[in-house]
C-alpha atoms as a PDB file:
ATOM      1  CA  MET A   1      94.936  80.492  71.896  1.00  0.00           C
ATOM      2  CA  SER A   2      93.866  82.089  75.146  1.00  0.00           C
ATOM      3  CA  ASP A   3      90.325  81.839  76.523  1.00  0.00           C
ATOM      4  CA  LEU A   4      90.483  85.632  76.811  1.00  0.00           C
ATOM      5  CA  ARG A   5      89.824  87.849  73.776  1.00  0.00           C
ATOM      6  CA  PHE A   6      92.010  90.816  74.615  1.00  0.00           C
ATOM      7  CA  THR A   7      95.458  91.838  75.860  1.00  0.00           C
ATOM      8  CA  VAL A   8      96.356  95.216  77.291  1.00  0.00           C
ATOM      9  CA  PHE A   9     100.077  95.491  76.669  1.00  0.00           C
ATOM     10  CA  THR A  10     102.151  98.000  78.653  1.00  0.00           C
ATOM     11  CA  PRO A  11     105.834  98.466  77.872  1.00  0.00           C
ATOM     12  CA  VAL A  12     107.483 100.161  80.834  1.00  0.00           C
ATOM     13  CA  TYR A  13     110.809 101.823  81.509  1.00  0.00           C
ATOM     14  CA  ASN A  14     111.288 103.607  84.848  1.00  0.00           C
ATOM     15  CA  ARG A  15     107.633 104.519  85.286  1.00  0.00           C
ATOM     16  CA  ARG A  16     107.036 103.219  88.812  1.00  0.00           C
ATOM     17  CA  HIS A  17     105.628 106.635  89.694  1.00  0.00           C
ATOM     18  CA  THR A  18     102.988 106.657  86.931  1.00  0.00           C
ATOM     19  CA  ILE A  19     101.999 103.062  86.220  1.00  0.00           C
ATOM     20  CA  HIS A  20      99.313 103.224  88.905  1.00  0.00           C
ATOM     21  CA  ARG A  21      97.218 105.114  86.355  1.00  0.00           C
ATOM     22  CA  VAL A  22      97.231 102.071  84.090  1.00  0.00           C
ATOM     23  CA  PHE A  23      96.409  99.629  86.863  1.00  0.00           C
ATOM     24  CA  ASP A  24      93.679 101.747  88.425  1.00  0.00           C
ATOM     25  CA  SER A  25      91.959 102.234  85.078  1.00  0.00           C
ATOM     26  CA  LEU A  26      92.109  98.499  84.347  1.00  0.00           C
ATOM     27  CA  MET A  27      90.535  97.759  87.720  1.00  0.00           C
ATOM     28  CA  ARG A  28      87.635 100.001  86.694  1.00  0.00           C
ATOM     29  CA  GLN A  29      86.988  98.312  83.346  1.00  0.00           C
ATOM     30  CA  SER A  30      83.385  97.344  82.665  1.00  0.00           C
ATOM     31  CA  THR A  31      84.543  93.993  81.243  1.00  0.00           C
ATOM     32  CA  LYS A  32      87.349  91.788  82.487  1.00  0.00           C
ATOM     33  CA  ASP A  33      87.733  89.800  79.282  1.00  0.00           C
ATOM     34  CA  PHE A  34      91.400  90.760  79.058  1.00  0.00           C
ATOM     35  CA  GLU A  35      94.859  90.187  80.458  1.00  0.00           C
ATOM     36  CA  TRP A  36      97.485  92.775  81.333  1.00  0.00           C
ATOM     37  CA  LEU A  37     100.892  92.055  79.832  1.00  0.00           C
ATOM     38  CA  VAL A  38     103.734  94.171  81.237  1.00  0.00           C
ATOM     39  CA  ILE A  39     107.131  94.115  79.527  1.00  0.00           C
ATOM     40  CA  ASP A  40     109.786  95.804  81.646  1.00  0.00           C
ATOM     41  CA  ASP A  41     112.368  97.231  79.248  1.00  0.00           C
ATOM     42  CA  GLY A  42     115.264  97.265  81.700  1.00  0.00           C
ATOM     43  CA  SER A  43     113.844  99.531  84.408  1.00  0.00           C
ATOM     44  CA  THR A  44     116.100 100.533  87.297  1.00  0.00           C
ATOM     45  CA  ASP A  45     113.395 101.876  89.628  1.00  0.00           C
ATOM     46  CA  ASN A  46     112.445  98.574  91.330  1.00  0.00           C
ATOM     47  CA  ILE A  47     109.073  98.339  89.597  1.00  0.00           C
ATOM     48  CA  LYS A  48     108.661  94.548  89.769  1.00  0.00           C
ATOM     49  CA  PRO A  49     107.539  94.411  93.429  1.00  0.00           C
ATOM     50  CA  LEU A  50     104.837  96.954  92.583  1.00  0.00           C
ATOM     51  CA  ILE A  51     103.589  94.863  89.650  1.00  0.00           C
ATOM     52  CA  ASP A  52     103.610  91.787  91.909  1.00  0.00           C
ATOM     53  CA  GLU A  53     101.461  93.719  94.366  1.00  0.00           C
ATOM     54  CA  TYR A  54      99.067  94.694  91.585  1.00  0.00           C
ATOM     55  CA  ALA A  55      98.844  91.070  90.436  1.00  0.00           C
ATOM     56  CA  GLU A  56      97.682  90.061  93.917  1.00  0.00           C
ATOM     57  CA  LYS A  57      94.927  92.693  93.880  1.00  0.00           C
ATOM     58  CA  ALA A  58      93.802  92.380  90.262  1.00  0.00           C
ATOM     59  CA  ASP A  59      90.564  90.712  89.168  1.00  0.00           C
ATOM     60  CA  PHE A  60      92.173  90.043  85.770  1.00  0.00           C
ATOM     61  CA  LYS A  61      95.227  88.113  84.643  1.00  0.00           C
ATOM     62  CA  VAL A  62      98.580  89.908  85.015  1.00  0.00           C
ATOM     63  CA  ARG A  63     101.823  88.793  83.369  1.00  0.00           C
ATOM     64  CA  TYR A  64     105.170  90.513  83.918  1.00  0.00           C
ATOM     65  CA  TYR A  65     108.417  89.956  81.982  1.00  0.00           C
ATOM     66  CA  TYR A  66     111.786  91.657  82.227  1.00  0.00           C
ATOM     67  CA  LYS A  67     114.201  92.283  79.354  1.00  0.00           C
ATOM     68  CA  GLU A  68     117.378  94.287  78.865  1.00  0.00           C
ATOM     69  CA  ASN A  69     116.769  97.848  77.716  1.00  0.00           C
ATOM     70  CA  GLY A  70     116.324  98.081  73.975  1.00  0.00           C
ATOM     71  CA  GLY A  71     113.433 100.466  73.400  1.00  0.00           C
ATOM     72  CA  LYS A  72     109.669 100.214  73.103  1.00  0.00           C
ATOM     73  CA  HIS A  73     109.874  98.584  69.676  1.00  0.00           C
ATOM     74  CA  THR A  74     111.928  95.676  71.047  1.00  0.00           C
ATOM     75  CA  ALA A  75     109.516  95.277  73.970  1.00  0.00           C
ATOM     76  CA  THR A  76     106.676  95.160  71.464  1.00  0.00           C
ATOM     77  CA  ASN A  77     108.427  92.451  69.454  1.00  0.00           C
ATOM     78  CA  MET A  78     108.821  90.454  72.647  1.00  0.00           C
ATOM     79  CA  ALA A  79     105.121  90.933  73.430  1.00  0.00           C
ATOM     80  CA  TYR A  80     104.225  89.464  70.036  1.00  0.00           C
ATOM     81  CA  THR A  81     105.896  86.206  71.083  1.00  0.00           C
ATOM     82  CA  LEU A  82     103.846  86.083  74.281  1.00  0.00           C
ATOM     83  CA  MET A  83     100.350  87.199  73.245  1.00  0.00           C
ATOM     84  CA  GLU A  84      97.722  84.571  72.434  1.00  0.00           C
ATOM     85  CA  THR A  85      94.550  86.678  72.424  1.00  0.00           C
ATOM     86  CA  GLU A  86      92.677  87.691  69.276  1.00  0.00           C
ATOM     87  CA  TYR A  87      93.149  91.424  69.852  1.00  0.00           C
ATOM     88  CA  PHE A  88      95.392  93.712  71.860  1.00  0.00           C
ATOM     89  CA  THR A  89      96.057  97.349  72.568  1.00  0.00           C
ATOM     90  CA  ILE A  90      99.081  99.263  73.794  1.00  0.00           C
ATOM     91  CA  LEU A  91      98.519 101.368  76.897  1.00  0.00           C
ATOM     92  CA  ASP A  92     101.620 103.349  77.769  1.00  0.00           C
ATOM     93  CA  SER A  93     102.815 103.319  81.359  1.00  0.00           C
ATOM     94  CA  ASP A  94     101.895 106.958  82.020  1.00  0.00           C
ATOM     95  CA  ASP A  95      98.353 106.969  80.567  1.00  0.00           C
ATOM     96  CA  ALA A  96      94.949 105.518  81.497  1.00  0.00           C
ATOM     97  CA  PHE A  97      91.825 104.072  79.909  1.00  0.00           C
ATOM     98  CA  THR A  98      88.284 105.309  80.248  1.00  0.00           C
ATOM     99  CA  ASP A  99      86.195 102.907  82.316  1.00  0.00           C
ATOM    100  CA  ASP A 100      84.628 101.132  79.337  1.00  0.00           C
ATOM    101  CA  ALA A 101      87.527 101.321  76.862  1.00  0.00           C
ATOM    102  CA  VAL A 102      88.125  97.566  76.525  1.00  0.00           C
ATOM    103  CA  GLU A 103      84.413  96.885  76.147  1.00  0.00           C
ATOM    104  CA  LYS A 104      84.114  99.554  73.432  1.00  0.00           C
ATOM    105  CA  MET A 105      87.145  98.289  71.527  1.00  0.00           C
ATOM    106  CA  LEU A 106      85.756  94.755  71.479  1.00  0.00           C
ATOM    107  CA  ALA A 107      82.352  96.101  70.455  1.00  0.00           C
ATOM    108  CA  ALA A 108      83.955  98.000  67.574  1.00  0.00           C
ATOM    109  CA  TRP A 109      85.527  94.810  66.282  1.00  0.00           C
ATOM    110  CA  ASP A 110      82.207  92.991  66.628  1.00  0.00           C
ATOM    111  CA  ALA A 111      80.468  95.801  64.703  1.00  0.00           C
ATOM    112  CA  ILE A 112      82.472  94.942  61.596  1.00  0.00           C
ATOM    113  CA  PRO A 113      80.576  92.296  59.588  1.00  0.00           C
ATOM    114  CA  GLU A 114      82.239  88.951  60.187  1.00  0.00           C
ATOM    115  CA  GLY A 115      82.833  88.444  56.488  1.00  0.00           C
ATOM    116  CA  ASP A 116      84.741  91.742  56.282  1.00  0.00           C
ATOM    117  CA  ARG A 117      86.746  91.481  59.489  1.00  0.00           C
ATOM    118  CA  ALA A 118      89.737  89.873  57.813  1.00  0.00           C
ATOM    119  CA  LEU A 119      90.215  93.068  55.783  1.00  0.00           C
ATOM    120  CA  TYR A 120      91.038  95.138  58.885  1.00  0.00           C
ATOM    121  CA  TRP A 121      94.095  95.350  61.096  1.00  0.00           C
ATOM    122  CA  SER A 122      92.806  97.746  63.775  1.00  0.00           C
ATOM    123  CA  VAL A 123      89.880  99.708  65.157  1.00  0.00           C
ATOM    124  CA  VAL A 124      90.665 103.297  66.121  1.00  0.00           C
ATOM    125  CA  GLY A 125      89.076 105.604  68.707  1.00  0.00           C
ATOM    126  CA  HIS A 126      89.898 108.857  70.467  1.00  0.00           C
ATOM    127  CA  CYS A 127      91.870 110.279  73.401  1.00  0.00           C
ATOM    128  CA  ILE A 128      91.236 113.118  75.825  1.00  0.00           C
ATOM    129  CA  ASN A 129      93.666 115.392  77.656  1.00  0.00           C
ATOM    130  CA  SER A 130      94.056 114.453  81.324  1.00  0.00           C
ATOM    131  CA  GLU A 131      94.029 118.081  82.471  1.00  0.00           C
ATOM    132  CA  THR A 132      91.291 119.599  80.325  1.00  0.00           C
ATOM    133  CA  ARG A 133      89.257 116.417  79.688  1.00  0.00           C
ATOM    134  CA  GLU A 134      88.814 117.727  76.162  1.00  0.00           C
ATOM    135  CA  LEU A 135      89.144 115.726  72.957  1.00  0.00           C
ATOM    136  CA  ILE A 136      92.670 115.752  71.546  1.00  0.00           C
ATOM    137  CA  GLY A 137      92.132 116.660  67.929  1.00  0.00           C
ATOM    138  CA  GLU A 138      88.903 116.192  66.020  1.00  0.00           C
ATOM    139  CA  LEU A 139      86.150 113.627  65.545  1.00  0.00           C
ATOM    140  CA  PHE A 140      86.075 111.356  62.535  1.00  0.00           C
ATOM    141  CA  PRO A 141      83.678 112.612  59.851  1.00  0.00           C
ATOM    142  CA  ASP A 142      80.660 110.667  58.672  1.00  0.00           C
ATOM    143  CA  GLY A 143      81.603 108.075  56.091  1.00  0.00           C
ATOM    144  CA  ILE A 144      85.252 107.830  57.093  1.00  0.00           C
ATOM    145  CA  ASN A 145      85.152 104.038  56.940  1.00  0.00           C
ATOM    146  CA  GLU A 146      84.291 104.287  53.254  1.00  0.00           C
ATOM    147  CA  PHE A 147      87.299 106.455  52.353  1.00  0.00           C
ATOM    148  CA  ASP A 148      89.419 104.815  49.669  1.00  0.00           C
ATOM    149  CA  ASP A 149      92.412 107.077  50.270  1.00  0.00           C
ATOM    150  CA  VAL A 150      94.284 106.213  53.474  1.00  0.00           C
ATOM    151  CA  ARG A 151      95.764 109.725  53.532  1.00  0.00           C
ATOM    152  CA  LYS A 152      92.296 111.237  54.066  1.00  0.00           C
ATOM    153  CA  SER A 153      91.889 109.207  57.237  1.00  0.00           C
ATOM    154  CA  ALA A 154      95.404 110.027  58.399  1.00  0.00           C
ATOM    155  CA  SER A 155      94.674 113.736  58.010  1.00  0.00           C
ATOM    156  CA  ILE A 156      92.204 113.707  60.919  1.00  0.00           C
ATOM    157  CA  LYS A 157      94.117 115.564  63.625  1.00  0.00           C
ATOM    158  CA  GLY A 158      94.753 114.438  67.180  1.00  0.00           C
ATOM    159  CA  ASP A 159      96.018 111.557  69.303  1.00  0.00           C
ATOM    160  CA  LYS A 160      94.266 108.245  68.662  1.00  0.00           C
ATOM    161  CA  THR A 161      94.355 104.811  70.210  1.00  0.00           C
ATOM    162  CA  ALA A 162      93.693 101.461  68.593  1.00  0.00           C
ATOM    163  CA  ALA A 163      92.848  97.825  69.225  1.00  0.00           C
ATOM    164  CA  LEU A 164      94.876  95.669  66.876  1.00  0.00           C
ATOM    165  CA  ARG A 165      94.558  92.175  65.452  1.00  0.00           C
ATOM    166  CA  THR A 166      97.261  90.056  67.018  1.00  0.00           C
ATOM    167  CA  ASP A 167      97.688  87.704  64.057  1.00  0.00           C
ATOM    168  CA  VAL A 168      98.295  90.607  61.671  1.00  0.00           C
ATOM    169  CA  MET A 169     100.749  92.434  63.905  1.00  0.00           C
ATOM    170  CA  LYS A 170     102.824  89.298  64.452  1.00  0.00           C
ATOM    171  CA  LYS A 171     103.504  89.266  60.702  1.00  0.00           C
ATOM    172  CA  PHE A 172     105.019  92.756  60.888  1.00  0.00           C
ATOM    173  CA  PRO A 173     107.623  92.858  63.677  1.00  0.00           C
ATOM    174  CA  TYR A 174     109.620  96.020  64.197  1.00  0.00           C
ATOM    175  CA  PRO A 175     113.104  96.292  62.752  1.00  0.00           C
ATOM    176  CA  GLU A 176     115.749  96.470  65.467  1.00  0.00           C
ATOM    177  CA  PRO A 177     118.530  98.568  63.890  1.00  0.00           C
ATOM    178  CA  GLU A 178     121.805  98.957  65.729  1.00  0.00           C
ATOM    179  CA  GLY A 179     122.575 102.394  67.089  1.00  0.00           C
ATOM    180  CA  THR A 180     119.148 103.444  68.368  1.00  0.00           C
ATOM    181  CA  ASN A 181     116.543 102.354  70.896  1.00  0.00           C
ATOM    182  CA  PHE A 182     113.659 104.204  69.258  1.00  0.00           C
ATOM    183  CA  VAL A 183     111.777 103.198  66.113  1.00  0.00           C
ATOM    184  CA  THR A 184     108.553 105.023  65.308  1.00  0.00           C
ATOM    185  CA  GLU A 185     105.370 102.998  64.887  1.00  0.00           C
ATOM    186  CA  SER A 186     104.967 104.413  61.369  1.00  0.00           C
ATOM    187  CA  VAL A 187     107.762 102.127  60.155  1.00  0.00           C
ATOM    188  CA  VAL A 188     105.465  99.142  60.719  1.00  0.00           C
ATOM    189  CA  TYR A 189     102.113 100.832  60.134  1.00  0.00           C
ATOM    190  CA  ASN A 190     103.161 102.034  56.670  1.00  0.00           C
ATOM    191  CA  LYS A 191     103.656  98.415  55.613  1.00  0.00           C
ATOM    192  CA  ILE A 192     100.412  97.172  57.119  1.00  0.00           C
ATOM    193  CA  GLU A 193      98.344  99.903  55.453  1.00  0.00           C
ATOM    194  CA  LYS A 194      99.315  98.482  52.065  1.00  0.00           C
ATOM    195  CA  GLU A 195      97.428  95.260  52.852  1.00  0.00           C
ATOM    196  CA  TYR A 196      94.788  96.037  55.487  1.00  0.00           C
ATOM    197  CA  LYS A 197      92.293  98.745  56.457  1.00  0.00           C
ATOM    198  CA  GLN A 198      91.478 100.536  59.719  1.00  0.00           C
ATOM    199  CA  TYR A 199      87.982 100.895  61.161  1.00  0.00           C
ATOM    200  CA  TYR A 200      87.244 104.253  62.806  1.00  0.00           C
ATOM    201  CA  PHE A 201      84.748 105.112  65.536  1.00  0.00           C
ATOM    202  CA  ASN A 202      84.173 108.201  67.660  1.00  0.00           C
ATOM    203  CA  ASP A 203      84.248 106.770  71.189  1.00  0.00           C
ATOM    204  CA  ILE A 204      86.676 108.110  73.808  1.00  0.00           C
ATOM    205  CA  LEU A 205      89.050 105.378  74.918  1.00  0.00           C
ATOM    206  CA  LYS A 206      92.188 106.824  76.500  1.00  0.00           C
ATOM    207  CA  ILE A 207      93.224 109.597  78.875  1.00  0.00           C
ATOM    208  CA  VAL A 208      96.619 111.005  77.894  1.00  0.00           C
ATOM    209  CA  TYR A 209      99.003 112.481  80.446  1.00  0.00           C
ATOM    210  CA  TYR A 210     101.776 114.640  79.062  1.00  0.00           C
ATOM    211  CA  GLU A 211     104.841 113.960  81.187  1.00  0.00           C
ATOM    212  CA  PRO A 212     107.822 116.360  80.951  1.00  0.00           C
ATOM    213  CA  ASP A 213     110.167 113.382  80.575  1.00  0.00           C
ATOM    214  CA  SER A 214     107.981 111.393  78.206  1.00  0.00           C
ATOM    215  CA  LEU A 215     109.526 109.555  75.267  1.00  0.00           C
ATOM    216  CA  THR A 216     108.070 111.786  72.596  1.00  0.00           C
ATOM    217  CA  ILE A 217     109.138 115.019  74.290  1.00  0.00           C
ATOM    218  CA  ALA A 218     112.612 114.222  75.543  1.00  0.00           C
ATOM    219  CA  TRP A 219     114.034 111.434  73.423  1.00  0.00           C
ATOM    220  CA  TYR A 220     115.268 113.329  70.374  1.00  0.00           C
ATOM    221  CA  ARG A 221     116.642 116.105  72.564  1.00  0.00           C
ATOM    222  CA  ASP A 222     118.738 113.692  74.612  1.00  0.00           C
ATOM    223  CA  HIS A 223     119.663 111.163  71.913  1.00  0.00           C
ATOM    224  CA  VAL A 224     120.783 113.196  68.919  1.00  0.00           C
ATOM    225  CA  LYS A 225     123.024 110.559  67.333  1.00  0.00           C
ATOM    226  CA  GLU A 226     120.465 107.813  67.872  1.00  0.00           C
ATOM    227  CA  GLY A 227     117.887 110.113  66.325  1.00  0.00           C
ATOM    228  CA  TYR A 228     119.722 110.054  63.015  1.00  0.00           C
ATOM    229  CA  VAL A 229     119.504 106.255  62.905  1.00  0.00           C
ATOM    230  CA  SER A 230     115.843 106.340  63.931  1.00  0.00           C
ATOM    231  CA  ASN A 231     114.975 108.903  61.270  1.00  0.00           C
ATOM    232  CA  PHE A 232     116.937 106.986  58.638  1.00  0.00           C
ATOM    233  CA  VAL A 233     114.746 103.914  59.229  1.00  0.00           C
ATOM    234  CA  TRP A 234     111.597 106.061  59.274  1.00  0.00           C
ATOM    235  CA  LYS A 235     112.346 107.853  55.991  1.00  0.00           C
ATOM    236  CA  GLN A 236     113.241 104.533  54.376  1.00  0.00           C
ATOM    237  CA  SER A 237     109.774 103.250  55.306  1.00  0.00           C
ATOM    238  CA  ILE A 238     108.099 106.313  53.805  1.00  0.00           C
ATOM    239  CA  ILE A 239     110.005 105.953  50.529  1.00  0.00           C
ATOM    240  CA  ASN A 240     109.387 102.215  50.170  1.00  0.00           C
ATOM    241  CA  ASP A 241     105.933 101.795  51.691  1.00  0.00           C
ATOM    242  CA  VAL A 242     104.160 105.126  51.208  1.00  0.00           C
ATOM    243  CA  GLY A 243     105.965 106.387  48.135  1.00  0.00           C
ATOM    244  CA  ILE A 244     106.804 109.756  46.637  1.00  0.00           C
ATOM    245  CA  LYS A 245     103.435 111.377  45.944  1.00  0.00           C
ATOM    246  CA  SER A 246     104.425 114.885  44.857  1.00  0.00           C
ATOM    247  CA  ILE A 247     107.397 117.012  43.840  1.00  0.00           C
ATOM    248  CA  LYS A 248     107.923 118.242  47.397  1.00  0.00           C
ATOM    249  CA  ASP A 249     108.083 114.639  48.600  1.00  0.00           C
ATOM    250  CA  TYR A 250     111.414 114.275  46.814  1.00  0.00           C
ATOM    251  CA  PHE A 251     112.913 116.159  49.763  1.00  0.00           C
ATOM    252  CA  ILE A 252     112.352 112.945  51.719  1.00  0.00           C
ATOM    253  CA  LEU A 253     115.048 111.344  49.557  1.00  0.00           C
ATOM    254  CA  PHE A 254     117.501 114.001  50.682  1.00  0.00           C
ATOM    255  CA  GLN A 255     116.473 113.554  54.318  1.00  0.00           C
ATOM    256  CA  TYR A 256     116.959 109.801  54.017  1.00  0.00           C
ATOM    257  CA  THR A 257     120.402 110.236  52.453  1.00  0.00           C
ATOM    258  CA  PHE A 258     121.427 112.868  55.002  1.00  0.00           C
ATOM    259  CA  TYR A 259     120.326 110.753  57.979  1.00  0.00           C
ATOM    260  CA  GLY A 260     122.244 107.847  56.474  1.00  0.00           C
ATOM    261  CA  VAL A 261     125.401 109.950  56.231  1.00  0.00           C
ATOM    262  CA  MET A 262     124.919 111.210  59.790  1.00  0.00           C
ATOM    263  CA  SER A 263     124.529 107.575  60.889  1.00  0.00           C
ATOM    264  CA  ASN A 264     127.953 106.786  59.364  1.00  0.00           C
ATOM    265  CA  LYS A 265     126.481 104.635  56.613  1.00  0.00           C
ATOM    266  CA  LYS A 266     128.303 104.181  53.332  1.00  0.00           C
ATOM    267  CA  LEU A 267     126.663 104.905  49.995  1.00  0.00           C
ATOM    268  CA  GLY A 268     125.996 101.219  49.312  1.00  0.00           C
ATOM    269  CA  GLU A 269     124.226 100.826  52.652  1.00  0.00           C
ATOM    270  CA  ILE A 270     122.029 103.829  51.888  1.00  0.00           C
ATOM    271  CA  THR A 271     121.043 102.883  48.347  1.00  0.00           C
ATOM    272  CA  SER A 272     120.529  99.176  49.081  1.00  0.00           C
ATOM    273  CA  GLY A 273     117.691 100.064  51.440  1.00  0.00           C
ATOM    274  CA  ILE A 274     115.583 101.595  48.651  1.00  0.00           C
ATOM    275  CA  ASN A 275     113.379  99.426  46.446  1.00  0.00           C
ATOM    276  CA  LYS A 276     113.074 101.586  43.315  1.00  0.00           C
ATOM    277  CA  GLY A 277     116.097 102.044  41.093  1.00  0.00           C
ATOM    278  CA  PHE A 278     115.248 105.646  40.203  1.00  0.00           C
ATOM    279  CA  TYR A 279     115.159 106.614  43.881  1.00  0.00           C
ATOM    280  CA  ARG A 280     118.466 104.824  44.447  1.00  0.00           C
ATOM    281  CA  PHE A 281     119.941 106.898  41.612  1.00  0.00           C
ATOM    282  CA  ILE A 282     118.724 110.149  43.204  1.00  0.00           C
ATOM    283  CA  CYS A 283     120.148 109.145  46.577  1.00  0.00           C
ATOM    284  CA  THR A 284     123.480 108.483  44.868  1.00  0.00           C
ATOM    285  CA  LEU A 285     123.444 112.043  43.506  1.00  0.00           C
ATOM    286  CA  LEU A 286     122.553 113.398  46.938  1.00  0.00           C
ATOM    287  CA  TYR A 287     125.263 111.506  48.803  1.00  0.00           C
ATOM    288  CA  VAL A 288     128.102 113.993  48.151  1.00  0.00           C
ATOM    289  CA  PRO A 289     125.994 117.089  49.093  1.00  0.00           C
ATOM    290  CA  ALA A 290     124.877 115.316  52.261  1.00  0.00           C
ATOM    291  CA  LYS A 291     128.502 114.570  53.200  1.00  0.00           C
ATOM    292  CA  ALA A 292     129.420 118.194  52.498  1.00  0.00           C
ATOM    293  CA  ILE A 293     126.676 119.415  54.828  1.00  0.00           C
ATOM    294  CA  ARG A 294     127.896 117.050  57.526  1.00  0.00           C
ATOM    295  CA  ALA A 295     131.445 118.375  57.147  1.00  0.00           C
ATOM    296  CA  PHE A 296     130.189 121.964  57.321  1.00  0.00           C
ATOM    297  CA  ARG A 297     128.146 121.247  60.458  1.00  0.00           C
ATOM    298  CA  SER A 298     131.119 119.545  62.048  1.00  0.00           C
ATOM    299  CA  LYS A 299     133.365 122.496  61.262  1.00  0.00           C
ATOM    300  CA  ARG A 300     130.821 124.843  62.821  1.00  0.00           C
ATOM    301  CA  GLY A 301     130.717 122.652  65.938  1.00  0.00           C
ATOM    302  CA  VAL A 302     127.077 121.604  65.513  1.00  0.00           C
ATOM    303  CA  ASN A 303     126.194 118.825  67.964  1.00  0.00           C
ATOM    304  CA  GLU A 304     125.952 115.489  66.185  1.00  0.00           C
END
C-alpha cells in the first residue's frame, strides 16, 4: 500500500484546454496527502507534455498513463489496477475542487466510527456551478445517514461527488461490452449499494463546469448506435440489481428488450442477461413487439 491515503483520479480524453482547472485546484489543496493519477484514454491533442510540465511543478505525486481509447469506464478499470491508496475520488478533466476538498473528504471518512467504516463504500458531498457559484441541487436533510431506504437518499436532487474506498471498488470493475465506449456509473453503483452504504455530508467539494462538448451532453447525440448498447447494459443492471419496484417499472423490461434488439442481440442473448425467470419470460413476450418497432422505425428512416 502507498504511504499516501488518497488518490485523485482524472480520466482524460482531448481535454488539454481544460485540465488546467484540475491541476490548479490540486495545487491549492489544504492537504497534500494525495497523488494525482491521470489516465489518458487515447487523446490526440498532445496532452502528455502538459502533464509532464505539471509533474515538474507539483508539490504532490503525479502519475500519467496512456491507453487506447475505450471510454471512461475502461480508464477507470485501468486505474483500479494502479491505485494503492485507501481512498480515491474521480475528478473529471474539465472540473475543479474547492481548496479544501481532499481534506474534507478524508475528514468525512474519519468521522465514521472505525468499527462502522467497513459498512460504507463512499462519502458523498456537494458541487457548485462554476458560473453562478450556487449549489447544484439541494442539501442533504438531517438524519440522512440513518435512512434505511437507499431510494430516499438517491432522491436528493443535484450533482454530487464522492470519495470511494479503493478496496471495495476494485471488487466491482466495470463491464466492457463490445459496441460502445460509454457505460454509466450506475451499472456498478447499483451492485455496490446491495452490500454497502454511503455516508452523506453537506460540504462543498467540487466546482462543475458545463462544457458544450462534454460527455454527458454530446455523447448520446453523436453515438446513437453505441447508445443502444450502453442503455442495454444500464437497464440490465436496474432489473438485476435494483429490481422492479412498481407496476410502471415493468416498462424497464420493454426498454431492456428494445435496446437489445436495437443492439442486434438475439433473444437468447437478451434473456440470458436477466437473473429472474419471470422477467426472462416477459422479455421473451416483448421480443417480437420490439423487433416490429425496429422494423417500423427503419421503414420510416429513423436514424439508428
